Protein backbone atom coordinates (compact mmCIF):
# COMPACT_ATOMS: atom_id res chain seq x y z
CA UNK A 1 -34.00 -63.16 42.23
CA UNK A 2 -33.81 -61.60 38.78
CA UNK A 3 -31.85 -58.32 38.41
CA UNK A 4 -33.07 -55.18 39.22
CA UNK A 5 -34.60 -53.26 36.24
CA UNK A 6 -32.75 -49.81 35.47
CA UNK A 7 -34.69 -46.72 36.86
CA UNK A 8 -36.83 -48.95 39.44
CA UNK A 9 -37.51 -47.83 42.64
CA UNK A 10 -36.36 -49.59 45.78
CA UNK A 11 -38.07 -48.74 48.88
CA UNK A 12 -36.00 -49.55 52.05
CA UNK A 13 -36.06 -49.07 55.69
CA UNK A 14 -34.59 -45.65 55.71
CA UNK A 15 -35.05 -44.18 52.41
CA UNK A 16 -35.80 -44.93 48.45
CA UNK A 17 -33.37 -45.68 45.94
CA UNK A 18 -33.19 -45.35 42.20
CA UNK A 19 -31.41 -48.25 40.21
CA UNK A 20 -29.00 -46.65 37.50
CA UNK A 21 -28.87 -47.50 33.85
CA UNK A 22 -26.81 -50.22 32.39
CA UNK A 23 -26.52 -54.04 33.29
CA UNK A 24 -25.59 -55.12 36.68
CA UNK A 25 -22.09 -56.48 37.56
CA UNK A 26 -22.51 -60.23 38.07
CA UNK A 27 -20.96 -61.96 41.27
CA UNK A 28 -20.56 -65.55 42.33
CA UNK A 29 -23.53 -65.05 44.64
CA UNK A 30 -25.43 -61.97 43.52
CA UNK A 31 -25.74 -58.94 41.45
CA UNK A 32 -24.30 -55.35 42.00
CA UNK A 33 -26.16 -52.33 40.63
CA UNK A 34 -25.23 -48.75 40.76
CA UNK A 35 -27.97 -46.32 41.97
CA UNK A 36 -28.51 -43.27 43.86
CA UNK A 37 -31.02 -42.07 46.80
CA UNK A 38 -33.91 -40.53 45.82
CA UNK A 39 -34.52 -36.81 46.91
CA UNK A 40 -32.21 -33.71 47.95
CA UNK A 41 -29.08 -35.78 48.64
CA UNK A 42 -28.69 -37.95 45.54
CA UNK A 43 -25.88 -39.67 46.89
CA UNK A 44 -24.24 -42.64 45.00
CA UNK A 45 -25.15 -46.29 46.05
CA UNK A 46 -24.63 -49.79 45.25
CA UNK A 47 -27.59 -52.18 45.65
CA UNK A 48 -26.88 -56.09 45.94
CA UNK A 49 -29.47 -58.54 45.25
CA UNK A 50 -29.24 -62.57 45.47
CA UNK A 51 -28.43 -64.27 42.26
CA UNK A 52 -31.10 -66.15 40.91
CA UNK A 53 -30.69 -69.87 40.37
CA UNK A 54 -32.74 -72.84 38.94
CA UNK A 55 -31.90 -74.54 42.24
CA UNK A 56 -34.04 -72.97 44.82
CA UNK A 57 -31.67 -74.54 47.67
CA UNK A 58 -28.83 -72.59 46.20
CA UNK A 59 -30.72 -69.44 45.77
CA UNK A 60 -32.04 -69.36 49.21
CA UNK A 61 -28.39 -69.88 50.16
CA UNK A 62 -27.32 -66.78 48.18
CA UNK A 63 -30.26 -64.70 49.69
CA UNK A 64 -29.15 -65.89 53.28
CA UNK A 65 -25.49 -65.03 52.82
CA UNK A 66 -26.39 -61.35 51.51
CA UNK A 67 -28.60 -61.41 54.60
CA UNK A 68 -25.43 -62.13 56.68
CA UNK A 69 -23.36 -59.63 54.95
CA UNK A 70 -25.90 -56.82 55.81
CA UNK A 71 -26.07 -58.05 59.47
CA UNK A 72 -22.14 -57.87 59.59
CA UNK A 73 -22.13 -54.38 57.77
CA UNK A 74 -24.89 -53.02 59.94
CA UNK A 75 -22.64 -53.40 62.80
CA UNK A 76 -19.43 -51.93 61.90
CA UNK A 77 -18.18 -48.45 61.34
CA UNK A 78 -14.65 -47.80 60.05
CA UNK A 79 -13.26 -45.21 57.59
CA UNK A 80 -11.45 -48.02 55.70
CA UNK A 81 -14.71 -50.17 55.40
CA UNK A 82 -17.70 -49.89 53.19
CA UNK A 83 -20.41 -48.13 54.71
CA UNK A 84 -24.05 -50.12 55.31
CA UNK A 85 -26.96 -47.68 54.19
CA UNK A 86 -30.02 -49.40 54.14
CA UNK A 87 -31.80 -52.74 53.09
CA UNK A 88 -35.12 -53.78 51.54
CA UNK A 89 -36.53 -56.72 53.67
CA UNK A 90 -38.49 -59.43 52.69
CA UNK A 91 -38.41 -62.39 49.95
CA UNK A 92 -37.03 -59.44 47.53
CA UNK A 93 -34.12 -58.62 49.66
CA UNK A 94 -31.84 -55.93 48.78
CA UNK A 95 -28.68 -54.79 50.37
CA UNK A 96 -27.80 -51.08 50.17
CA UNK A 97 -24.24 -49.85 50.55
CA UNK A 98 -22.46 -46.53 50.01
CA UNK A 99 -21.09 -46.05 46.37
CA UNK A 100 -17.40 -45.98 46.84
CA UNK A 101 -15.74 -43.98 44.19
CA UNK A 102 -12.09 -44.62 43.01
CA UNK A 103 -10.48 -47.41 41.16
CA UNK A 104 -9.96 -51.09 42.74
CA UNK A 105 -6.39 -51.83 43.40
CA UNK A 106 -6.48 -54.66 40.78
CA UNK A 107 -6.93 -51.98 38.32
CA UNK A 108 -4.75 -49.37 39.58
CA UNK A 109 -1.53 -51.45 40.21
CA UNK A 110 -1.91 -53.89 37.33
CA UNK A 111 1.64 -53.49 35.68
CA UNK A 112 1.98 -50.34 37.46
CA UNK A 113 3.57 -50.99 41.08
CA UNK A 114 3.27 -48.80 43.78
CA UNK A 115 6.37 -47.30 45.66
CA UNK A 116 7.58 -49.01 48.89
CA UNK A 117 6.42 -46.09 50.93
CA UNK A 118 3.09 -45.87 49.33
CA UNK A 119 2.67 -49.41 49.70
CA UNK A 120 3.38 -49.36 53.51
CA UNK A 121 0.72 -46.42 54.03
CA UNK A 122 -1.83 -48.81 52.14
CA UNK A 123 -0.78 -51.84 54.72
CA UNK A 124 -1.34 -49.67 57.33
CA UNK A 125 -4.64 -48.95 56.63
CA UNK A 126 -5.63 -52.51 55.53
CA UNK A 127 -4.40 -53.53 59.03
CA UNK A 128 -6.35 -51.00 60.94
CA UNK A 129 -9.67 -52.28 59.14
CA UNK A 130 -8.45 -56.00 59.87
CA UNK A 131 -7.52 -55.14 63.29
CA UNK A 132 -10.88 -53.63 63.97
CA UNK A 133 -12.80 -56.39 62.30
CA UNK A 134 -10.89 -58.95 64.22
CA UNK A 135 -11.51 -57.42 67.66
CA UNK A 136 -15.41 -57.72 66.64
CA UNK A 137 -14.78 -61.51 65.78
CA UNK A 138 -15.15 -60.76 62.34
CA UNK A 139 -13.08 -62.48 59.67
CA UNK A 140 -13.06 -61.04 56.12
CA UNK A 141 -11.85 -64.01 54.34
CA UNK A 142 -11.63 -62.18 50.89
CA UNK A 143 -8.98 -59.62 50.90
CA UNK A 144 -7.79 -59.03 47.42
CA UNK A 145 -7.08 -56.23 44.97
CA UNK A 146 -10.47 -56.45 43.35
CA UNK A 147 -12.03 -55.86 46.90
CA UNK A 148 -9.78 -52.87 47.81
CA UNK A 149 -10.81 -49.39 46.51
CA UNK A 150 -8.41 -46.51 46.35
CA UNK A 151 -9.92 -43.62 47.64
CA UNK A 152 -8.61 -40.01 47.58
CA UNK A 153 -9.48 -39.11 51.16
CA UNK A 154 -9.89 -42.55 52.81
CA UNK A 155 -6.70 -43.97 51.30
CA UNK A 156 -8.46 -47.68 50.96
CA UNK A 157 -11.82 -48.93 51.34
CA UNK A 158 -12.57 -52.64 51.87
CA UNK A 159 -15.64 -53.68 49.92
CA UNK A 160 -17.55 -56.89 49.16
CA UNK A 161 -18.29 -58.70 52.52
CA UNK A 162 -19.93 -61.67 50.93
CA UNK A 163 -17.37 -64.12 52.44
CA UNK A 164 -17.07 -62.38 55.75
CA UNK A 165 -17.88 -64.80 58.82
CA UNK A 166 -19.30 -63.56 62.21
CA UNK A 167 -20.80 -66.66 64.46
CA UNK A 168 -20.94 -70.13 62.88
CA UNK A 169 -19.23 -71.03 59.88
CA UNK A 170 -21.50 -70.70 57.08
CA UNK A 171 -22.22 -72.97 54.20
CA UNK A 172 -21.60 -71.33 50.80
CA UNK A 173 -22.20 -74.57 48.76
CA UNK A 174 -25.29 -76.85 49.75
CA UNK A 175 -23.66 -79.77 47.99
CA UNK A 176 -20.69 -79.43 50.05
CA UNK A 177 -21.31 -78.86 53.85
CA UNK A 178 -18.67 -76.27 55.44
CA UNK A 179 -17.25 -74.98 52.59
CA UNK A 180 -16.51 -71.21 51.69
CA UNK A 181 -15.93 -69.09 49.07
CA UNK A 182 -12.21 -69.14 48.07
CA UNK A 183 -10.40 -66.83 45.84
CA UNK A 184 -7.71 -68.44 44.19
CA UNK A 185 -4.24 -66.97 44.23
CA UNK A 186 -5.30 -64.80 47.09
CA UNK A 187 -7.22 -66.78 50.02
CA UNK A 188 -5.12 -68.99 52.48
CA UNK A 189 -5.14 -72.47 51.51
CA UNK A 190 -6.85 -73.38 54.88
CA UNK A 191 -9.87 -71.83 53.64
CA UNK A 192 -10.39 -74.39 50.75
CA UNK A 193 -8.83 -77.38 52.80
CA UNK A 194 -9.80 -76.86 56.41
CA UNK A 195 -12.39 -74.17 56.46
CA UNK A 196 -13.17 -74.42 59.97
CA UNK A 197 -9.63 -73.39 61.00
CA UNK A 198 -9.77 -70.26 59.18
CA UNK A 199 -8.40 -67.83 61.70
CA UNK A 200 -7.02 -64.11 61.80
CA UNK A 201 -3.70 -65.65 59.95
CA UNK A 202 -5.92 -66.36 57.32
CA UNK A 203 -6.73 -62.65 56.61
CA UNK A 204 -3.08 -61.74 56.92
CA UNK A 205 -2.02 -64.38 54.34
CA UNK A 206 -4.28 -62.37 51.93
CA UNK A 207 -3.08 -59.15 53.07
CA UNK A 208 0.56 -60.49 52.17
CA UNK A 209 -0.79 -61.47 48.52
CA UNK A 210 -2.39 -58.29 48.09
CA UNK A 211 0.94 -56.32 48.96
CA UNK A 212 2.80 -58.58 46.76
CA UNK A 213 0.62 -57.35 43.92
CA UNK A 214 0.97 -53.56 44.66
CA UNK A 215 4.83 -53.95 44.97
CA UNK A 216 5.05 -55.69 41.65
CA UNK A 217 2.13 -55.07 39.65
CA UNK A 218 1.90 -58.77 38.80
CA UNK A 219 -0.47 -61.51 40.33
CA UNK A 220 1.36 -63.55 43.01
CA UNK A 221 -0.27 -66.93 41.98
CA UNK A 222 2.56 -67.61 39.32
CA UNK A 223 4.97 -67.44 41.85
CA UNK A 224 3.14 -69.90 44.61
CA UNK A 225 4.18 -73.39 45.23
CA UNK A 226 1.49 -75.39 47.27
CA UNK A 227 0.47 -72.18 48.82
CA UNK A 228 3.70 -70.39 49.56
CA UNK A 229 5.45 -67.98 47.65
CA UNK A 230 8.53 -69.35 45.73
CA UNK A 231 9.88 -65.67 44.99
CA UNK A 232 9.59 -62.67 47.16
CA UNK A 233 8.67 -59.27 45.69
CA UNK A 234 12.16 -58.25 45.35
CA UNK A 235 13.03 -60.78 42.88
CA UNK A 236 10.29 -59.42 40.48
CA UNK A 237 10.88 -55.74 41.43
CA UNK A 238 14.37 -55.02 42.40
CA UNK A 239 13.47 -51.64 43.92
CA UNK A 240 11.41 -53.47 46.62
CA UNK A 241 13.56 -53.56 49.90
CA UNK A 242 15.14 -56.97 51.14
CA UNK A 243 13.51 -56.34 54.48
CA UNK A 244 10.17 -55.85 53.06
CA UNK A 245 10.23 -58.79 50.71
CA UNK A 246 11.17 -60.96 53.72
CA UNK A 247 8.11 -59.96 55.35
CA UNK A 248 5.98 -60.61 52.39
CA UNK A 249 7.55 -64.06 51.92
CA UNK A 250 6.96 -64.90 55.73
CA UNK A 251 3.32 -63.72 55.40
CA UNK A 252 2.25 -65.88 52.36
CA UNK A 253 3.21 -69.17 53.88
CA UNK A 254 0.92 -72.39 53.33
CA UNK A 255 1.37 -73.31 56.91
CA UNK A 256 -0.58 -70.69 58.96
CA UNK A 257 1.72 -71.25 61.91
CA UNK A 258 4.52 -69.67 60.02
CA UNK A 259 2.84 -66.42 59.33
CA UNK A 260 2.13 -63.50 61.45
CA UNK A 261 -0.87 -64.40 63.70
CA UNK A 262 -2.46 -60.78 64.24
CA UNK A 263 -2.55 -57.52 62.47
CA UNK A 264 -0.52 -56.17 65.14
CA UNK A 265 2.04 -59.07 64.57
CA UNK A 266 2.08 -57.86 60.98
CA UNK A 267 2.25 -54.09 61.94
CA UNK A 268 5.29 -54.85 63.91
CA UNK A 269 7.15 -57.01 61.34
CA UNK A 270 6.75 -54.32 58.81
CA UNK A 271 8.14 -51.72 61.41
CA UNK A 272 11.07 -54.25 62.35
CA UNK A 273 10.09 -54.27 65.91
CA UNK A 274 8.42 -58.05 66.18
CA UNK A 275 9.86 -60.14 68.85
CA UNK A 276 8.62 -63.68 69.96
CA UNK A 277 6.61 -63.51 72.93
CA UNK A 278 8.40 -66.95 74.63
CA UNK A 279 5.44 -68.14 76.51
CA UNK A 280 2.17 -70.01 75.74
CA UNK A 281 -0.29 -67.71 74.65
CA UNK A 282 -3.70 -67.70 72.90
CA UNK A 283 -5.08 -65.43 70.14
CA UNK A 284 -8.39 -64.41 70.19
CA UNK A 285 -10.63 -61.48 68.70
CA UNK A 286 -6.95 -60.26 67.23
CA UNK A 287 -5.31 -59.91 70.61
CA UNK A 288 -2.65 -62.04 72.29
CA UNK A 289 -3.17 -63.23 75.94
CA UNK A 290 -0.35 -64.97 77.76
CA UNK A 291 -0.74 -68.19 79.92
CA UNK A 292 1.60 -68.04 82.81
CA UNK A 293 -0.42 -70.00 85.40
CA UNK A 294 -4.34 -69.72 85.06
CA UNK A 295 -6.19 -67.84 82.04
CA UNK A 296 -9.95 -67.83 82.33
CA UNK A 297 -12.10 -66.74 79.34
CA UNK A 298 -15.69 -66.13 78.96
CA UNK A 299 -18.37 -63.74 77.61
CA UNK A 300 -18.00 -60.18 78.71
CA UNK A 301 -19.87 -59.30 81.82
CA UNK A 302 -19.62 -58.16 85.46
CA UNK A 303 -19.51 -60.98 87.85
CA UNK A 304 -20.65 -58.75 90.85
CA UNK A 305 -23.61 -57.16 89.04
CA UNK A 306 -25.08 -60.14 87.26
CA UNK A 307 -25.60 -62.89 89.91
CA UNK A 308 -22.64 -64.75 88.60
CA UNK A 309 -21.69 -67.80 91.25
CA UNK A 310 -18.06 -67.30 90.37
CA UNK A 311 -16.29 -64.31 91.93
CA UNK A 312 -12.92 -64.59 90.10
CA UNK A 313 -13.03 -62.08 87.15
CA UNK A 314 -12.03 -63.19 83.71
CA UNK A 315 -8.75 -62.93 82.40
CA UNK A 316 -9.81 -62.56 78.89
CA UNK A 317 -13.55 -61.48 77.91
CA UNK A 318 -14.90 -61.88 74.52
CA UNK A 319 -17.77 -59.71 73.08
CA UNK A 320 -20.49 -62.23 72.26
CA UNK A 321 -23.77 -60.76 71.20
CA UNK A 322 -25.46 -63.84 70.22
CA UNK A 323 -24.69 -65.46 73.66
CA UNK A 324 -23.32 -68.88 72.73
CA UNK A 325 -20.27 -68.13 74.92
CA UNK A 326 -20.82 -68.71 78.45
CA UNK A 327 -20.05 -65.97 81.04
CA UNK A 328 -17.15 -68.48 82.16
CA UNK A 329 -16.48 -70.70 79.19
CA UNK A 330 -12.92 -72.31 79.25
CA UNK A 331 -10.03 -72.08 81.46
CA UNK A 332 -6.31 -72.38 80.04
CA UNK A 333 -3.79 -73.43 82.65
CA UNK A 334 -0.01 -73.98 82.61
CA UNK A 335 1.19 -76.93 84.95
CA UNK A 336 4.56 -77.41 86.49
CA UNK A 337 5.94 -79.62 83.77
CA UNK A 338 5.07 -76.89 81.18
CA UNK A 339 2.34 -78.32 79.67
CA UNK A 340 -0.94 -76.33 78.53
CA UNK A 341 -4.36 -77.50 79.17
CA UNK A 342 -7.75 -76.27 78.26
CA UNK A 343 -10.74 -77.18 80.49
CA UNK A 344 -14.63 -76.71 79.83
CA UNK A 345 -16.39 -74.97 82.60
CA UNK A 346 -19.72 -76.55 82.40
CA UNK A 347 -21.53 -73.49 80.50
CA UNK A 348 -24.47 -74.04 78.14
CA UNK A 349 -22.41 -75.04 75.17
CA UNK A 350 -19.49 -77.33 74.79
CA UNK A 351 -15.67 -76.31 73.44
CA UNK A 352 -13.76 -78.40 71.03
CA UNK A 353 -10.23 -78.68 69.81
CA UNK A 354 -8.78 -79.01 66.20
CA UNK A 355 -5.33 -80.30 65.67
CA UNK A 356 -3.66 -79.89 62.33
CA UNK A 357 -6.81 -80.71 60.10
CA UNK A 358 -7.55 -83.75 61.94
CA UNK A 359 -11.41 -82.81 62.79
CA UNK A 360 -12.87 -81.71 65.75
CA UNK A 361 -12.62 -83.24 69.33
CA UNK A 362 -15.38 -82.07 71.44
CA UNK A 363 -14.30 -81.86 75.33
CA UNK A 364 -17.00 -83.38 77.36
CA UNK A 365 -18.69 -81.20 80.07
CA UNK A 366 -16.11 -80.30 82.65
CA UNK A 367 -13.22 -82.34 81.15
CA UNK A 368 -9.80 -81.00 79.64
CA UNK A 369 -7.78 -81.49 76.86
CA UNK A 370 -4.00 -81.23 76.71
CA UNK A 371 -3.13 -78.67 73.64
CA UNK A 372 -0.32 -78.79 71.17
CA UNK A 373 1.50 -75.58 69.54
CA UNK A 374 -0.86 -74.31 66.91
CA UNK A 375 -4.11 -75.94 67.88
CA UNK A 376 -7.48 -74.32 67.19
CA UNK A 377 -9.73 -73.99 69.91
CA UNK A 378 -13.59 -73.40 69.21
CA UNK A 379 -15.15 -71.60 72.38
CA UNK A 380 -18.53 -73.25 71.08
CA UNK A 381 -18.89 -76.15 68.70
CA UNK A 382 -22.15 -77.44 67.35
CA UNK A 383 -22.58 -80.48 65.30
CA UNK A 384 -24.04 -79.36 61.83
CA UNK A 385 -23.08 -75.79 62.56
CA UNK A 386 -19.29 -76.30 63.07
CA UNK A 387 -16.99 -73.68 65.16
CA UNK A 388 -17.80 -70.85 66.87
CA UNK A 389 -15.48 -68.03 68.03
CA UNK A 390 -12.36 -69.88 67.28
CA UNK A 391 -8.95 -69.16 68.82
CA UNK A 392 -5.38 -70.14 67.83
CA UNK A 393 -3.12 -71.61 70.59
CA UNK A 394 0.58 -70.66 70.44
CA UNK A 395 3.23 -72.93 72.65
CA UNK A 396 5.58 -69.78 72.78
């Protein structure tokens, strides 16, 4: 689809919007236009259209990805996340978002680092947004200073959800199945080399890289060695405390098992209150669940009112509006010898386990698999689509 001509009227499902003057900003998969809503409100909006391409399959992919972005944004409501406004459906699809005023972090802090206290405020707001997204099974996957706006009243606003994931792993390049968009120097290494194993910890890595930039005014990529920081922000900016610098070093690690696993873990690290749980546990939707005996997980429901044949209530429930996850999908057990297992509960779809990038091992119906520390479990795995609703197993 070609860029929208300046002054053109876009009729959406909720209102009509006028494209502003000047050329659009060109992104990897689309065009971004400024405009305003027609009528008395006249509010500023951003209009996104898929990028045109001679390769029709690729152009169709860009449109599908913009549709996915619209679906994700239309389901979220958080002060630190850009607000969905409207869409023009059909072959000439247009996504309409609020026009967020303010400089992006990349412009605001380049060669102009923020104070530590100010940085902690920004970190807290970004963690609020990530925790909210993760609780809804959404991975942002593109946190970087170019996608964070410094806002006068909301402090920070995350924009550009073109790489966000909800549901099965999307394919960003039709010639490379299962790949995703990667922002070099900001994205966690596994996003490029093992995209199916992207978890909440991948967003935490990007947060750490962004905090490094805010604290130093310098992009972290020049201080990275094989995906990990070789220098902490204190070595670049001596005004940064040793404690905060060490947190950033711990967060920007190529090995996801060595990072904070959740937004809450990161928050506790920043406050100096983090402690290892000490027992096997899983992390899903940004929450940690202990495995002390049996832990049963499935789609949120009430066994007593849905005709469910299983009367034992779930220990952990997930919100799955697409209903791929069964009402009782998986059982995690800790045996007397201290080994942990995951068992398939014969729901409609199978579960799978991935171990350190060695591919996915689908568990047969009613079967089980012994878990090792830092395994990734997909509550649903489908050939050709990949993993759906992944969780991390931690040995302690």
